[in-house]
Amino acid sequence: MPICENCGGKWSWKQTVKKSFTLDTGMECPHCGKKQYQTVKSKKRSAPLLFIVTLPLLLNLLFDIPGVVLLSLFPVIFVVLMSTYSFLMELSDKEEFMF
C-alpha cells in the first residue's frame, strides 16, 4: 500500500483505488491533505498491467472463444488489476515525468 512521503500515513486499499480514478495527476493524502504523486518507478511497474486488459482479445484471435466467455473475462481481469494495482503504487511529494 502507498505511504505518504510527507506524513508517513499508510493509505488503505479503498483510498488508493478511489484516488486512482481522478484525472488530476496529484492525489491528496487522506491523512495530511498534501498532494502526492505516483513515482516514475511505480508507473513503470504498473504499465504491464494495462496490457493484461487486452489479453482476452488476443486470446480470441488465437482461439475461437465464445462471446459470453470473452465478455465474462473482462470483469474478472478488472477486479484482479484493481486489487494488485494499489500494492504496486509508490508515492512522492514531487511530480516526476517519465520523459
N, C-alpha and C. Protein backbone atom coordinates (compact mmCIF):
# COMPACT_ATOMS: atom_id res chain seq x y z
N MET A 1 0.83 -1.17 0.00
CA MET A 1 0.00 0.00 0.00
C MET A 1 0.88 1.25 0.00
N PRO A 2 0.41 2.30 -0.65
CA PRO A 2 1.20 3.53 -0.68
C PRO A 2 1.31 4.18 0.69
N ILE A 3 2.44 4.82 0.90
CA ILE A 3 2.69 5.54 2.14
C ILE A 3 3.00 6.98 1.79
N CYS A 4 2.34 7.90 2.44
CA CYS A 4 2.55 9.33 2.20
C CYS A 4 3.98 9.70 2.57
N GLU A 5 4.67 10.35 1.65
CA GLU A 5 6.05 10.74 1.92
C GLU A 5 6.12 11.92 2.89
N ASN A 6 5.05 12.67 2.98
CA ASN A 6 5.04 13.85 3.85
C ASN A 6 4.78 13.48 5.31
N CYS A 7 3.69 12.75 5.57
CA CYS A 7 3.32 12.45 6.97
C CYS A 7 3.59 11.00 7.36
N GLY A 8 3.86 10.13 6.39
CA GLY A 8 4.12 8.72 6.69
C GLY A 8 2.87 7.90 6.90
N GLY A 9 1.71 8.48 6.62
CA GLY A 9 0.45 7.76 6.78
C GLY A 9 0.26 6.72 5.69
N LYS A 10 -0.16 5.55 6.09
CA LYS A 10 -0.38 4.46 5.13
C LYS A 10 -1.80 4.54 4.60
N TRP A 11 -1.93 4.53 3.28
CA TRP A 11 -3.23 4.59 2.63
C TRP A 11 -3.87 3.21 2.65
N SER A 12 -5.17 3.18 2.80
CA SER A 12 -5.88 1.91 2.71
C SER A 12 -6.10 1.56 1.25
N TRP A 13 -6.50 0.32 0.99
CA TRP A 13 -6.76 -0.12 -0.38
C TRP A 13 -7.88 0.70 -0.99
N LYS A 14 -8.92 0.94 -0.23
CA LYS A 14 -10.07 1.70 -0.73
C LYS A 14 -9.67 3.13 -1.08
N GLN A 15 -8.89 3.77 -0.23
CA GLN A 15 -8.44 5.13 -0.50
C GLN A 15 -7.57 5.18 -1.76
N THR A 16 -6.71 4.19 -1.93
CA THR A 16 -5.82 4.15 -3.08
C THR A 16 -6.61 4.00 -4.37
N VAL A 17 -7.56 3.08 -4.40
CA VAL A 17 -8.36 2.87 -5.60
C VAL A 17 -9.20 4.10 -5.90
N LYS A 18 -9.77 4.69 -4.88
CA LYS A 18 -10.61 5.89 -5.07
C LYS A 18 -9.78 7.03 -5.64
N LYS A 19 -8.61 7.27 -5.13
CA LYS A 19 -7.75 8.35 -5.60
C LYS A 19 -7.18 8.05 -6.99
N SER A 20 -7.08 6.78 -7.37
CA SER A 20 -6.54 6.42 -8.68
C SER A 20 -7.47 6.79 -9.82
N PHE A 21 -8.75 6.95 -9.55
CA PHE A 21 -9.72 7.24 -10.60
C PHE A 21 -9.92 8.73 -10.85
N THR A 22 -9.07 9.57 -10.28
CA THR A 22 -9.18 11.00 -10.54
C THR A 22 -8.35 11.35 -11.77
N LEU A 23 -8.72 12.42 -12.45
CA LEU A 23 -7.99 12.84 -13.64
C LEU A 23 -6.76 13.67 -13.28
N ASP A 24 -6.73 14.23 -12.10
CA ASP A 24 -5.59 15.01 -11.65
C ASP A 24 -4.41 14.08 -11.37
N THR A 25 -3.20 14.50 -11.75
CA THR A 25 -2.04 13.65 -11.51
C THR A 25 -1.68 13.57 -10.03
N GLY A 26 -2.01 14.62 -9.30
CA GLY A 26 -1.74 14.63 -7.87
C GLY A 26 -2.91 14.06 -7.09
N MET A 27 -2.60 13.31 -6.06
CA MET A 27 -3.63 12.73 -5.20
C MET A 27 -3.45 13.28 -3.80
N GLU A 28 -4.51 13.78 -3.23
CA GLU A 28 -4.44 14.38 -1.90
C GLU A 28 -4.39 13.29 -0.84
N CYS A 29 -3.44 13.41 0.06
CA CYS A 29 -3.30 12.44 1.14
C CYS A 29 -4.50 12.54 2.07
N PRO A 30 -5.15 11.42 2.39
CA PRO A 30 -6.30 11.46 3.29
C PRO A 30 -5.93 11.79 4.73
N HIS A 31 -4.64 11.70 5.06
CA HIS A 31 -4.21 11.95 6.44
C HIS A 31 -3.78 13.40 6.67
N CYS A 32 -2.93 13.92 5.77
CA CYS A 32 -2.40 15.28 5.99
C CYS A 32 -2.91 16.29 4.97
N GLY A 33 -3.50 15.84 3.87
CA GLY A 33 -4.05 16.74 2.87
C GLY A 33 -3.06 17.26 1.85
N LYS A 34 -1.81 16.86 1.93
CA LYS A 34 -0.80 17.30 0.96
C LYS A 34 -0.91 16.48 -0.33
N LYS A 35 -0.53 17.11 -1.44
CA LYS A 35 -0.57 16.42 -2.73
C LYS A 35 0.55 15.40 -2.80
N GLN A 36 0.19 14.22 -3.30
CA GLN A 36 1.15 13.15 -3.51
C GLN A 36 1.06 12.72 -4.97
N TYR A 37 2.17 12.30 -5.52
CA TYR A 37 2.23 11.90 -6.92
C TYR A 37 2.81 10.50 -7.03
N GLN A 38 2.35 9.79 -8.03
CA GLN A 38 2.88 8.44 -8.26
C GLN A 38 4.29 8.56 -8.84
N THR A 39 5.21 7.76 -8.33
CA THR A 39 6.59 7.82 -8.80
C THR A 39 6.71 7.20 -10.19
N VAL A 40 7.77 7.56 -10.90
CA VAL A 40 8.01 7.01 -12.24
C VAL A 40 8.26 5.51 -12.14
N LYS A 41 8.98 5.09 -11.12
CA LYS A 41 9.25 3.67 -10.91
C LYS A 41 7.95 2.89 -10.75
N SER A 42 7.03 3.47 -10.01
CA SER A 42 5.74 2.84 -9.79
C SER A 42 4.92 2.78 -11.07
N LYS A 43 4.97 3.85 -11.87
CA LYS A 43 4.26 3.86 -13.15
C LYS A 43 4.80 2.80 -14.09
N LYS A 44 6.12 2.64 -14.11
CA LYS A 44 6.74 1.63 -14.99
C LYS A 44 6.38 0.21 -14.53
N ARG A 45 6.28 0.01 -13.21
CA ARG A 45 5.91 -1.32 -12.71
C ARG A 45 4.47 -1.67 -13.01
N SER A 46 3.59 -0.66 -13.00
CA SER A 46 2.17 -0.94 -13.22
C SER A 46 1.76 -0.88 -14.69
N ALA A 47 2.61 -0.39 -15.57
CA ALA A 47 2.28 -0.29 -17.00
C ALA A 47 1.95 -1.64 -17.65
N PRO A 48 2.69 -2.71 -17.34
CA PRO A 48 2.33 -4.00 -17.96
C PRO A 48 0.93 -4.50 -17.58
N LEU A 49 0.41 -4.03 -16.47
CA LEU A 49 -0.95 -4.44 -16.08
C LEU A 49 -1.98 -3.97 -17.10
N LEU A 50 -1.72 -2.84 -17.73
CA LEU A 50 -2.66 -2.33 -18.73
C LEU A 50 -2.77 -3.25 -19.95
N PHE A 51 -1.68 -3.92 -20.27
CA PHE A 51 -1.71 -4.83 -21.41
C PHE A 51 -2.49 -6.12 -21.11
N ILE A 52 -2.65 -6.42 -19.84
CA ILE A 52 -3.42 -7.61 -19.46
C ILE A 52 -4.88 -7.43 -19.84
N VAL A 53 -5.34 -6.18 -19.89
CA VAL A 53 -6.72 -5.91 -20.27
C VAL A 53 -7.00 -6.41 -21.68
N THR A 54 -6.03 -6.32 -22.55
CA THR A 54 -6.22 -6.76 -23.94
C THR A 54 -6.01 -8.27 -24.11
N LEU A 55 -5.66 -8.96 -23.08
CA LEU A 55 -5.42 -10.40 -23.17
C LEU A 55 -6.60 -11.20 -23.71
N PRO A 56 -7.84 -10.94 -23.28
CA PRO A 56 -8.96 -11.70 -23.86
C PRO A 56 -9.11 -11.48 -25.36
N LEU A 57 -8.83 -10.28 -25.83
CA LEU A 57 -8.93 -10.03 -27.27
C LEU A 57 -7.84 -10.79 -28.03
N LEU A 58 -6.65 -10.86 -27.46
CA LEU A 58 -5.58 -11.63 -28.08
C LEU A 58 -5.91 -13.11 -28.08
N LEU A 59 -6.46 -13.59 -26.98
CA LEU A 59 -6.86 -15.00 -26.91
C LEU A 59 -7.95 -15.31 -27.93
N ASN A 60 -8.82 -14.35 -28.17
CA ASN A 60 -9.89 -14.55 -29.15
C ASN A 60 -9.33 -14.65 -30.56
N LEU A 61 -8.24 -13.96 -30.84
CA LEU A 61 -7.61 -14.06 -32.15
C LEU A 61 -6.96 -15.43 -32.35
N LEU A 62 -6.39 -15.95 -31.29
CA LEU A 62 -5.68 -17.23 -31.39
C LEU A 62 -6.60 -18.44 -31.30
N PHE A 63 -7.63 -18.33 -30.48
CA PHE A 63 -8.56 -19.43 -30.27
C PHE A 63 -9.97 -18.93 -30.51
N ASP A 64 -10.86 -19.83 -30.86
CA ASP A 64 -12.25 -19.46 -31.08
C ASP A 64 -12.99 -19.53 -29.74
N ILE A 65 -13.03 -18.41 -29.05
CA ILE A 65 -13.65 -18.34 -27.73
C ILE A 65 -15.05 -17.77 -27.89
N PRO A 66 -16.05 -18.41 -27.29
CA PRO A 66 -17.41 -17.86 -27.37
C PRO A 66 -17.50 -16.46 -26.76
N GLY A 67 -18.39 -15.64 -27.29
CA GLY A 67 -18.53 -14.26 -26.85
C GLY A 67 -18.87 -14.12 -25.38
N VAL A 68 -19.69 -15.03 -24.85
CA VAL A 68 -20.08 -14.97 -23.44
C VAL A 68 -18.86 -15.17 -22.55
N VAL A 69 -18.02 -16.09 -22.89
CA VAL A 69 -16.80 -16.35 -22.11
C VAL A 69 -15.87 -15.15 -22.21
N LEU A 70 -15.75 -14.62 -23.42
CA LEU A 70 -14.87 -13.48 -23.64
C LEU A 70 -15.32 -12.27 -22.82
N LEU A 71 -16.61 -11.98 -22.84
CA LEU A 71 -17.13 -10.84 -22.09
C LEU A 71 -17.06 -11.06 -20.58
N SER A 72 -17.13 -12.30 -20.15
CA SER A 72 -17.05 -12.56 -18.71
C SER A 72 -15.61 -12.43 -18.19
N LEU A 73 -14.64 -12.48 -19.07
CA LEU A 73 -13.25 -12.33 -18.65
C LEU A 73 -12.92 -10.89 -18.26
N PHE A 74 -13.56 -9.92 -18.90
CA PHE A 74 -13.24 -8.52 -18.63
C PHE A 74 -13.50 -8.11 -17.17
N PRO A 75 -14.66 -8.43 -16.58
CA PRO A 75 -14.83 -8.06 -15.16
C PRO A 75 -13.86 -8.78 -14.23
N VAL A 76 -13.52 -10.01 -14.55
CA VAL A 76 -12.57 -10.76 -13.73
C VAL A 76 -11.20 -10.10 -13.79
N ILE A 77 -10.77 -9.75 -14.98
CA ILE A 77 -9.48 -9.09 -15.15
C ILE A 77 -9.47 -7.73 -14.45
N PHE A 78 -10.58 -7.00 -14.54
CA PHE A 78 -10.68 -5.70 -13.90
C PHE A 78 -10.50 -5.82 -12.38
N VAL A 79 -11.15 -6.79 -11.78
CA VAL A 79 -11.05 -7.00 -10.33
C VAL A 79 -9.62 -7.37 -9.95
N VAL A 80 -8.99 -8.23 -10.72
CA VAL A 80 -7.61 -8.63 -10.43
C VAL A 80 -6.66 -7.43 -10.55
N LEU A 81 -6.85 -6.64 -11.59
CA LEU A 81 -5.98 -5.47 -11.78
C LEU A 81 -6.16 -4.45 -10.66
N MET A 82 -7.40 -4.19 -10.27
CA MET A 82 -7.64 -3.21 -9.22
C MET A 82 -7.10 -3.69 -7.87
N SER A 83 -7.12 -4.99 -7.65
CA SER A 83 -6.62 -5.49 -6.38
C SER A 83 -5.09 -5.47 -6.31
N THR A 84 -4.41 -5.62 -7.44
CA THR A 84 -2.95 -5.62 -7.43
C THR A 84 -2.35 -4.24 -7.64
N TYR A 85 -3.06 -3.36 -8.32
CA TYR A 85 -2.53 -2.04 -8.64
C TYR A 85 -2.17 -1.24 -7.40
N SER A 86 -3.01 -1.28 -6.39
CA SER A 86 -2.75 -0.49 -5.19
C SER A 86 -1.52 -0.97 -4.43
N PHE A 87 -1.15 -2.22 -4.58
CA PHE A 87 0.04 -2.73 -3.91
C PHE A 87 1.33 -2.33 -4.63
N LEU A 88 1.22 -1.98 -5.91
CA LEU A 88 2.38 -1.58 -6.69
C LEU A 88 2.65 -0.08 -6.64
N MET A 89 1.70 0.69 -6.15
CA MET A 89 1.82 2.15 -6.18
C MET A 89 2.75 2.66 -5.08
N GLU A 90 3.64 3.57 -5.48
CA GLU A 90 4.50 4.28 -4.55
C GLU A 90 4.27 5.76 -4.76
N LEU A 91 4.39 6.54 -3.69
CA LEU A 91 4.09 7.97 -3.76
C LEU A 91 5.33 8.81 -3.49
N SER A 92 5.28 10.02 -4.06
CA SER A 92 6.31 11.01 -3.83
C SER A 92 5.64 12.36 -3.66
N ASP A 93 6.30 13.28 -2.96
CA ASP A 93 5.70 14.59 -2.80
C ASP A 93 6.07 15.53 -3.96
N LYS A 94 6.88 15.05 -4.89
CA LYS A 94 7.26 15.82 -6.08
C LYS A 94 6.76 15.09 -7.32
N GLU A 95 6.26 15.85 -8.28
CA GLU A 95 5.77 15.25 -9.52
C GLU A 95 6.95 14.94 -10.42
N GLU A 96 7.03 13.68 -10.86
CA GLU A 96 8.09 13.23 -11.75
C GLU A 96 7.47 12.92 -13.11
N PHE A 97 8.20 13.22 -14.17
CA PHE A 97 7.72 12.96 -15.51
C PHE A 97 8.52 11.83 -16.12
N MET A 98 7.86 11.01 -16.91
CA MET A 98 8.52 9.83 -17.49
C MET A 98 9.51 10.21 -18.59
N PHE A 99 9.27 11.29 -19.28
CA PHE A 99 10.15 11.65 -20.40
C PHE A 99 10.89 12.93 -20.11
